[in-house]
Each structure stands twice: as C-alpha cells, then as structure tokens.
Amino acid sequence: AVDSVDGLCTMCGAGGPDLKDGVAIHLYACNAPMASASRAFTDADGDLLIVPQHGALRITTELGKLRVMPGEICVVPRNIIFAVDPEDNEDPRCRGYVLETFSGAHFVPPDRGPIGANSMAETRDFLIPTAWYEDRPGEWVVTSKVLGRLFDRTKRHSPFDVVAWHGNYAPFKYDLSRFHTVNTVSVDHPDPSIFTVLTIPSSDPGVALVDFVIFPPRWMAAENTFRPPYYHRNCMSEFMGLIDGSYDAKRGFLPGGSSLHGIGTAHGPDAPTFRAASAVDTSTPTKFDAGTAFMFETRAPLKLAPFAADTEGPIFDGDYMACWDELPRASVTVHQLPNSAPKNGTE
C-alpha cells in the first residue's frame, strides 16, 4: 500500500525553492490513506495544484475538508498541513498530476482584457473549505518538504486542530465543468490563452511563470478553418495531460498520459487528425465532447527528471515522433480578396 506522498514521482522541473522561482511537475499514484494512518504533509517549497485523473480524493487540511473528484482541481498553498485519502475504500486506487510552483506569488484567474468581467473561470466557482477540526490525541507523523528534501516530525495529537479561521490564504477547489469556454464564431483561432483557468504572472510581458490551461468539451464553429490546434512553436514549455476520454489533436494519447514540448519545439496535430480535419465540412458547427485535456505551460525550460528521461523505462514512448511521419507536404494557395490592394502596396 502506498499513500500520496510516497507515491509522488517527479517528471520535470526548473528553478527551485531556494530561488523562489520555477516549477516542478509530478505524477502521483496511491491506494492508501494518510489521515486514518495518522500521517500529514506540508510543502514549505511552494503551492501545489492537484489534478486528479482517476479516483476521488478526500483532502483534509488545517482549514477544513475538500472532496476532489476527477474533473476538479485543488490548490493547497505552501505551509498548509494536509492529508490525502482515497474516497473509495473498496477500490482505493487513485492517480493524477501535481504542479508545484516555487514563486512567492500565488495562482489567480487570468486578466480577461477585452473579454470583460465574465467568462472563463468565474471567481464565484472557486470553493474554500468550511472550518473543521478534531481534538484527537495520539502520535502523528508530519512530513515536511523543505528545499527539495523530506523531513518527518512527530506530534502527540492531530495537526487538524484549527477550530476557526478567517482570511484569504486557504486551499480551494474548482470544478472544470464550470469553465465558460470562449472561442471563435467566425474564422481562424484565438490564442490558447482563452482556455486559461489559473495563472501566476511573471515580470516578463506576455508570458507567465505558469498557466493552468484546459481543453474541455466545446463547440467548434470556425468556417474555412483548420479547427484542431494549429501547428506552432512556443516561447513557453508545454506539459500536457489527459484527464478522461481522448484529445482532439492526438490519437493514442491516453488518460493519465503526459507529453512535453519544450520551448521552440515545433508540434501540432498528428497525421490522422490532419487528414480528418482537412476534409471536414466547416459550414456546420461540431461539438467536441470526447474528453478533457489540460496543460501546464511555463516560461521556464523544463528539465526531465531521471524517471521521465529513462528511454528504457516502461512509460517512455520511443515512437512519439512517428505521429507526424505521414503528414503531407503543404500546398499553398493565395486567395486575393476582391477589390483589395496588396498590403505592401505592390502589384
């Protein structure tokens, strides 16, 4: 049996808690409780954004309890003591993703700009726990993460003994199905930033320390447009995961899987997706409701941990690049708009 602390595995990261800058991305897998085993955890290095993929979690914190299902997320700020228990005792297997942020800043909803005051992730949909406590004597082990190392200390009573609290420094959860998706209703693509749920801004204009972005079920209505995500290179690192179903740009990308496209790395839909999307009738809106994918996007170049970089390991996909092998060479057709002069003023 493995709890969520012992079942944490680092995939990649950049920076560190000593600099108060950067991120780390982990996977977790667990089938054992913490609270009922008198164990708790606190992270002095950074905030934790937890994305369950399989199995509901009961998260007990100093400030109250949260029930977090797949399709929801939870953020636990640094130095908050908490314990994670699988909710289902008959099938306690749980897994998911964790984003750890080292910045002194915290997650906030993105600036909506000209979109206005509403849409995307609404502030009213972020839920905080109701105060709860227990006065329970007995030996507890509290594991603390400090500068990347784990330290155990014992207590003679439950650490969840905060009777009441007030303020704005608290864990919270969010149901991803509450996200108000924004998309084009004419042609072409808005930037993927329209799918940002939470962000930690940086001092660099136009790029964030990290964004949490989702690709949820949504209507696609763009005409004369290649509707899947376009081919591109990015000035940010993109770590993707899949919560359920399938991803509309990659066949064979399975729930619980991960992909990393580094800064400046060209990528986009695979060959089967390209062929299907190139032949679709774009005069009719279609609804993508096959699943929910997400992305941790950061300005930092991410370095793979040894576990993720092991090309002989069971999780490494050595044939990933083959998904683009059958892409045809592009043919370019120039369409001149009627009664319009070339933009550069030449004939």
Protein backbone atom coordinates (compact mmCIF):
# COMPACT_ATOMS: atom_id res chain seq x y z
CA ALA A 1 0.00 0.00 0.00
CA VAL A 2 1.27 3.46 -0.97
CA ASP A 3 -0.04 6.85 0.16
CA SER A 4 0.03 10.03 -1.93
CA VAL A 5 3.36 11.28 -0.53
CA ASP A 6 5.26 8.05 -1.07
CA GLY A 7 3.51 7.67 -4.44
CA LEU A 8 4.74 11.03 -5.77
CA CYS A 9 7.08 10.86 -8.77
CA THR A 10 8.78 13.89 -10.33
CA MET A 11 8.61 14.23 -14.12
CA CYS A 12 10.35 17.55 -14.82
CA GLY A 13 11.07 20.97 -13.43
CA ALA A 14 13.05 24.20 -13.48
CA GLY A 15 14.35 26.66 -10.90
CA GLY A 16 13.91 25.83 -7.26
CA PRO A 17 12.55 26.86 -3.89
CA ASP A 18 15.82 28.49 -2.85
CA LEU A 19 15.35 31.00 -5.69
CA LYS A 20 11.58 31.26 -5.19
CA ASP A 21 11.25 30.84 -8.94
CA GLY A 22 10.32 27.95 -11.20
CA VAL A 23 8.11 24.87 -11.10
CA ALA A 24 8.15 21.11 -10.68
CA ILE A 25 5.68 18.69 -12.25
CA HIS A 26 4.88 15.38 -10.58
CA LEU A 27 2.64 12.36 -11.04
CA TYR A 28 1.00 10.69 -8.07
CA ALA A 29 -0.41 7.21 -7.55
CA CYS A 30 -1.80 5.96 -4.25
CA ASN A 31 -4.08 3.32 -2.75
CA ALA A 32 -3.65 4.03 0.97
CA PRO A 33 -4.98 6.79 3.26
CA MET A 34 -2.94 9.30 5.20
CA ALA A 35 -5.31 10.79 7.79
CA SER A 36 -6.53 7.47 9.16
CA ALA A 37 -2.89 6.34 9.28
CA SER A 38 -2.02 9.46 11.33
CA ARG A 39 0.20 10.98 8.67
CA ALA A 40 0.11 14.50 7.22
CA PHE A 41 2.17 16.54 4.78
CA THR A 42 3.20 20.17 4.31
CA ASP A 43 5.18 21.77 1.50
CA ALA A 44 7.36 24.73 2.52
CA ASP A 45 8.75 24.95 -1.01
CA GLY A 46 5.65 26.03 -2.88
CA ASP A 47 1.96 25.81 -3.72
CA LEU A 48 0.51 22.55 -5.03
CA LEU A 49 -2.10 22.32 -7.80
CA ILE A 50 -3.57 18.80 -7.75
CA VAL A 51 -5.32 17.37 -10.83
CA PRO A 52 -7.00 14.00 -10.07
CA GLN A 53 -7.24 11.75 -13.11
CA HIS A 54 -8.59 8.54 -11.56
CA GLY A 55 -10.21 8.14 -8.17
CA ALA A 56 -11.84 10.72 -5.91
CA LEU A 57 -9.81 12.24 -3.07
CA ARG A 58 -10.73 13.36 0.43
CA ILE A 59 -8.29 16.13 1.33
CA THR A 60 -8.20 17.13 4.99
CA THR A 61 -6.46 20.44 5.70
CA GLU A 62 -5.91 22.61 8.74
CA LEU A 63 -8.72 24.84 7.48
CA GLY A 64 -11.27 22.16 6.63
CA LYS A 65 -12.03 19.30 4.28
CA LEU A 66 -12.34 19.15 0.49
CA ARG A 67 -13.73 16.36 -1.69
CA VAL A 68 -11.99 16.47 -5.07
CA MET A 69 -13.19 14.36 -7.98
CA PRO A 70 -11.59 13.70 -11.38
CA GLY A 71 -12.68 16.69 -13.44
CA GLU A 72 -11.97 19.00 -10.49
CA ILE A 73 -8.74 20.56 -9.24
CA CYS A 74 -7.46 21.59 -5.84
CA VAL A 75 -4.81 24.12 -4.82
CA VAL A 76 -3.06 23.79 -1.45
CA PRO A 77 -0.89 26.83 -0.59
CA ARG A 78 2.61 26.38 0.81
CA ASN A 79 2.97 25.54 4.51
CA ILE A 80 -0.65 24.36 4.87
CA ILE A 81 -0.75 20.95 6.58
CA PHE A 82 -2.96 18.43 4.79
CA ALA A 83 -3.62 14.72 4.26
CA VAL A 84 -4.93 12.95 1.16
CA ASP A 85 -7.15 9.87 1.40
CA PRO A 86 -8.75 7.84 -1.41
CA GLU A 87 -12.51 8.19 -1.08
CA ASP A 88 -13.41 4.72 -2.31
CA ASN A 89 -12.40 2.14 0.27
CA GLU A 90 -13.35 -0.80 -1.96
CA ASP A 91 -11.22 0.43 -4.88
CA PRO A 92 -8.79 2.95 -3.41
CA ARG A 93 -6.57 3.24 -6.48
CA CYS A 94 -6.01 6.90 -7.36
CA ARG A 95 -3.68 8.72 -9.71
CA GLY A 96 -3.20 12.17 -11.14
CA TYR A 97 -0.90 15.11 -11.69
CA VAL A 98 0.63 17.74 -9.40
CA LEU A 99 2.06 21.13 -10.34
CA GLU A 100 4.37 22.62 -7.70
CA THR A 101 5.13 26.34 -8.00
CA PHE A 102 8.09 27.90 -6.20
CA SER A 103 7.25 31.58 -6.74
CA GLY A 104 6.24 33.77 -3.87
CA ALA A 105 3.18 34.74 -5.93
CA HIS A 106 0.07 32.58 -5.98
CA PHE A 107 -2.46 31.39 -8.54
CA VAL A 108 -5.01 33.94 -9.73
CA PRO A 109 -7.59 33.97 -12.55
CA PRO A 110 -6.12 35.46 -15.73
CA ASP A 111 -6.72 39.04 -16.79
CA ARG A 112 -9.64 38.79 -19.22
CA GLY A 113 -8.76 42.00 -21.03
CA PRO A 114 -11.34 42.98 -23.69
CA ILE A 115 -13.36 39.83 -22.94
CA GLY A 116 -14.71 41.73 -19.95
CA ALA A 117 -15.77 40.88 -16.42
CA ASN A 118 -17.31 37.46 -17.12
CA SER A 119 -16.48 34.12 -18.77
CA MET A 120 -13.62 31.67 -18.41
CA ALA A 121 -13.17 30.73 -14.73
CA GLU A 122 -15.60 32.72 -12.59
CA THR A 123 -14.43 33.71 -9.12
CA ARG A 124 -17.72 32.53 -7.61
CA ASP A 125 -17.00 28.94 -8.67
CA PHE A 126 -13.81 28.58 -6.60
CA LEU A 127 -14.77 26.87 -3.33
CA ILE A 128 -12.96 27.02 0.01
CA PRO A 129 -13.49 24.59 2.89
CA THR A 130 -15.69 25.14 5.91
CA ALA A 131 -13.71 25.11 9.16
CA TRP A 132 -13.40 21.64 10.69
CA TYR A 133 -11.23 20.31 13.47
CA GLU A 134 -10.60 17.25 15.60
CA ASP A 135 -9.28 17.02 19.14
CA ARG A 136 -7.63 13.62 18.82
CA PRO A 137 -4.59 12.59 20.90
CA GLY A 138 -2.13 10.06 19.59
CA GLU A 139 1.13 10.02 17.68
CA TRP A 140 1.11 11.62 14.23
CA VAL A 141 3.90 11.92 11.67
CA VAL A 142 4.01 15.22 9.74
CA THR A 143 6.25 15.08 6.65
CA SER A 144 7.63 18.47 5.61
CA LYS A 145 9.19 19.26 2.23
CA VAL A 146 11.93 21.89 2.60
CA LEU A 147 14.38 22.77 -0.19
CA GLY A 148 13.54 19.58 -2.03
CA ARG A 149 14.09 17.24 0.92
CA LEU A 150 11.57 15.45 3.12
CA PHE A 151 11.71 15.60 6.91
CA ASP A 152 9.49 13.73 9.38
CA ARG A 153 8.48 15.05 12.78
CA THR A 154 6.09 13.61 15.31
CA LYS A 155 3.19 15.25 17.12
CA ARG A 156 1.23 13.96 20.10
CA HIS A 157 -2.13 14.97 18.66
CA SER A 158 -3.85 15.52 15.34
CA PRO A 159 -2.48 18.54 13.41
CA PHE A 160 -6.02 19.31 12.24
CA ASP A 161 -6.92 21.26 15.37
CA VAL A 162 -7.71 24.73 13.95
CA VAL A 163 -11.14 25.50 15.38
CA ALA A 164 -11.90 28.54 13.19
CA TRP A 165 -10.13 30.77 10.70
CA HIS A 166 -10.59 33.86 8.55
CA GLY A 167 -8.59 35.47 5.75
CA ASN A 168 -7.78 34.75 2.12
CA TYR A 169 -4.88 32.27 2.43
CA ALA A 170 -6.71 28.98 2.10
CA PRO A 171 -6.90 25.84 -0.03
CA PHE A 172 -9.59 25.79 -2.69
CA LYS A 173 -11.13 23.59 -5.35
CA TYR A 174 -12.67 24.21 -8.77
CA ASP A 175 -14.96 22.13 -10.97
CA LEU A 176 -13.60 22.26 -14.52
CA SER A 177 -17.09 21.74 -15.97
CA ARG A 178 -17.90 25.26 -14.67
CA PHE A 179 -15.38 26.82 -17.07
CA HIS A 180 -17.06 29.20 -19.53
CA THR A 181 -15.30 28.42 -22.79
CA VAL A 182 -14.61 31.27 -25.21
CA ASN A 183 -13.99 30.52 -28.88
CA THR A 184 -14.26 32.00 -32.36
CA VAL A 185 -17.64 32.11 -34.12
CA SER A 186 -16.20 33.22 -37.47
CA VAL A 187 -12.78 32.14 -38.76
CA ASP A 188 -9.32 31.24 -37.52
CA HIS A 189 -8.14 30.60 -33.95
CA PRO A 190 -7.85 32.78 -30.87
CA ASP A 191 -4.72 32.05 -28.85
CA PRO A 192 -4.92 29.05 -26.48
CA SER A 193 -4.70 31.51 -23.58
CA ILE A 194 -8.51 31.76 -23.82
CA PHE A 195 -8.56 28.37 -22.07
CA THR A 196 -6.53 29.53 -19.05
CA VAL A 197 -8.12 28.64 -15.71
CA LEU A 198 -5.40 29.92 -13.37
CA THR A 199 -2.11 31.72 -13.83
CA ILE A 200 0.87 33.04 -11.92
CA PRO A 201 2.00 36.17 -13.79
CA SER A 202 5.68 36.90 -14.36
CA SER A 203 7.68 40.07 -14.77
CA ASP A 204 8.06 39.28 -18.49
CA PRO A 205 5.25 40.83 -20.58
CA GLY A 206 3.20 38.27 -22.46
CA VAL A 207 4.46 35.16 -20.69
CA ALA A 208 3.51 33.70 -17.32
CA LEU A 209 5.55 31.95 -14.71
CA VAL A 210 2.99 29.21 -15.22
CA ASP A 211 -0.52 28.82 -16.65
CA PHE A 212 -3.01 26.04 -15.98
CA VAL A 213 -4.97 25.59 -19.21
CA ILE A 214 -7.75 23.15 -20.11
CA PHE A 215 -9.18 21.90 -23.39
CA PRO A 216 -12.72 20.93 -22.37
CA PRO A 217 -15.77 19.80 -24.35
CA ARG A 218 -16.79 22.73 -26.55
CA TRP A 219 -18.48 23.77 -29.78
CA MET A 220 -16.24 24.49 -32.76
CA ALA A 221 -17.78 26.80 -35.37
CA ALA A 222 -14.92 28.37 -37.32
CA GLU A 223 -15.53 28.31 -41.08
CA ASN A 224 -12.84 27.75 -43.71
CA THR A 225 -10.50 26.97 -40.85
CA PHE A 226 -8.41 24.02 -39.70
CA ARG A 227 -10.25 23.54 -36.41
CA PRO A 228 -7.83 21.47 -34.30
CA PRO A 229 -4.95 23.26 -32.56
CA TYR A 230 -2.68 24.73 -35.20
CA TYR A 231 0.95 23.78 -35.83
CA HIS A 232 3.27 26.07 -33.93
CA ARG A 233 6.37 26.69 -31.90
CA ASN A 234 6.07 28.32 -28.50
CA CYS A 235 8.13 30.61 -26.29
CA MET A 236 6.91 28.54 -23.32
CA SER A 237 7.22 24.88 -22.30
CA GLU A 238 4.05 22.82 -22.66
CA PHE A 239 3.40 19.82 -20.39
CA MET A 240 0.12 18.15 -21.32
CA GLY A 241 -2.01 15.58 -19.57
CA LEU A 242 -5.35 13.91 -20.25
CA ILE A 243 -7.98 13.57 -17.53
CA ASP A 244 -10.52 11.49 -19.44
CA GLY A 245 -11.57 10.43 -22.92
CA SER A 246 -9.39 11.46 -25.84
CA TYR A 247 -7.55 14.53 -27.07
CA ASP A 248 -8.71 16.07 -30.35
CA ALA A 249 -5.19 16.53 -31.76
CA LYS A 250 -3.51 13.20 -30.89
CA ARG A 251 -4.71 9.66 -31.45
CA GLY A 252 -3.43 7.23 -28.82
CA PHE A 253 -2.86 9.87 -26.14
CA LEU A 254 -4.39 8.06 -23.17
CA PRO A 255 -5.88 9.29 -19.87
CA GLY A 256 -3.10 9.52 -17.31
CA GLY A 257 -0.50 10.05 -20.04
CA SER A 258 1.83 13.01 -20.40
CA SER A 259 3.67 14.83 -23.15
CA LEU A 260 6.27 17.60 -23.05
CA HIS A 261 7.01 20.01 -25.87
CA GLY A 262 9.94 22.21 -24.98
CA ILE A 263 10.43 25.86 -25.80
CA GLY A 264 10.82 26.33 -29.55
CA THR A 265 9.86 22.75 -30.41
CA ALA A 266 7.53 22.50 -33.41
CA HIS A 267 4.42 20.41 -32.79
CA GLY A 268 0.74 20.06 -33.60
CA PRO A 269 -1.93 17.52 -34.56
CA ASP A 270 -0.91 14.06 -35.77
CA ALA A 271 -1.38 12.88 -39.35
CA PRO A 272 -4.80 11.18 -38.91
CA THR A 273 -6.17 14.31 -37.21
CA PHE A 274 -4.78 16.47 -40.02
CA ARG A 275 -6.44 14.35 -42.71
CA ALA A 276 -9.80 14.25 -40.93
CA ALA A 277 -9.85 17.97 -40.11
CA SER A 278 -8.79 18.93 -43.65
CA ALA A 279 -11.77 17.07 -45.13
CA VAL A 280 -14.47 18.13 -42.66
CA ASP A 281 -17.38 20.35 -43.70
CA THR A 282 -16.68 23.57 -41.77
CA SER A 283 -20.02 25.15 -42.73
CA THR A 284 -21.58 23.14 -39.88
CA PRO A 285 -20.63 23.59 -36.19
CA THR A 286 -19.49 20.46 -34.41
CA LYS A 287 -19.19 19.66 -30.73
CA PHE A 288 -16.06 18.10 -29.30
CA ASP A 289 -17.17 16.20 -26.21
CA ALA A 290 -14.77 13.24 -26.19
CA GLY A 291 -12.71 14.27 -23.17
CA THR A 292 -10.81 16.89 -21.19
CA ALA A 293 -7.11 17.58 -21.61
CA PHE A 294 -5.02 20.15 -19.74
CA MET A 295 -1.68 21.89 -19.99
CA PHE A 296 0.86 23.21 -17.52
CA GLU A 297 2.52 25.99 -19.54
CA THR A 298 5.56 27.82 -18.20
CA ARG A 299 8.15 30.30 -19.39
CA ALA A 300 10.83 28.05 -17.83
CA PRO A 301 12.75 25.46 -19.89
CA LEU A 302 11.81 22.19 -18.20
CA LYS A 303 14.45 19.58 -17.44
CA LEU A 304 13.35 15.94 -17.34
CA ALA A 305 13.82 14.01 -14.11
CA PRO A 306 15.71 10.70 -14.44
CA PHE A 307 12.47 8.71 -14.21
CA ALA A 308 10.92 10.56 -17.15
CA ALA A 309 14.15 10.64 -19.19
CA ASP A 310 14.73 6.88 -18.99
CA THR A 311 14.32 5.77 -22.61
CA GLU A 312 14.24 2.14 -21.49
CA GLY A 313 11.52 2.79 -18.91
CA PRO A 314 8.00 1.43 -19.25
CA ILE A 315 6.38 4.85 -19.67
CA PHE A 316 8.68 6.27 -22.39
CA ASP A 317 7.17 6.43 -25.88
CA GLY A 318 10.09 6.00 -28.24
CA ASP A 319 7.86 6.27 -31.31
CA TYR A 320 6.20 9.56 -30.42
CA MET A 321 7.73 11.43 -33.36
CA ALA A 322 6.20 8.93 -35.78
CA CYS A 323 2.77 10.55 -35.35
CA TRP A 324 3.89 13.25 -37.83
CA ASP A 325 5.64 11.00 -40.36
CA GLU A 326 2.68 10.79 -42.73
CA LEU A 327 1.89 14.49 -42.84
CA PRO A 328 1.75 15.61 -46.49
CA ARG A 329 3.82 18.49 -47.80
CA ALA A 330 1.76 21.65 -47.55
CA SER A 331 0.37 23.24 -50.69
CA VAL A 332 -0.11 27.00 -50.59
CA THR A 333 -2.97 28.72 -52.40
CA VAL A 334 -3.07 32.52 -52.37
CA HIS A 335 -6.58 33.98 -52.25
CA GLN A 336 -6.82 37.68 -53.15
CA LEU A 337 -9.75 39.43 -51.53
CA PRO A 338 -11.96 41.23 -54.08
CA ASN A 339 -11.38 44.96 -54.52
CA SER A 340 -8.45 44.99 -52.13
CA ALA A 341 -4.92 46.09 -52.81
CA PRO A 342 -1.90 44.11 -51.59
CA LYS A 343 -0.93 45.26 -48.13
CA ASN A 344 2.62 46.14 -49.11
CA GLY A 345 1.36 48.48 -51.84
CA THR A 346 2.82 46.48 -54.75
CA GLU A 347 1.04 44.79 -57.64
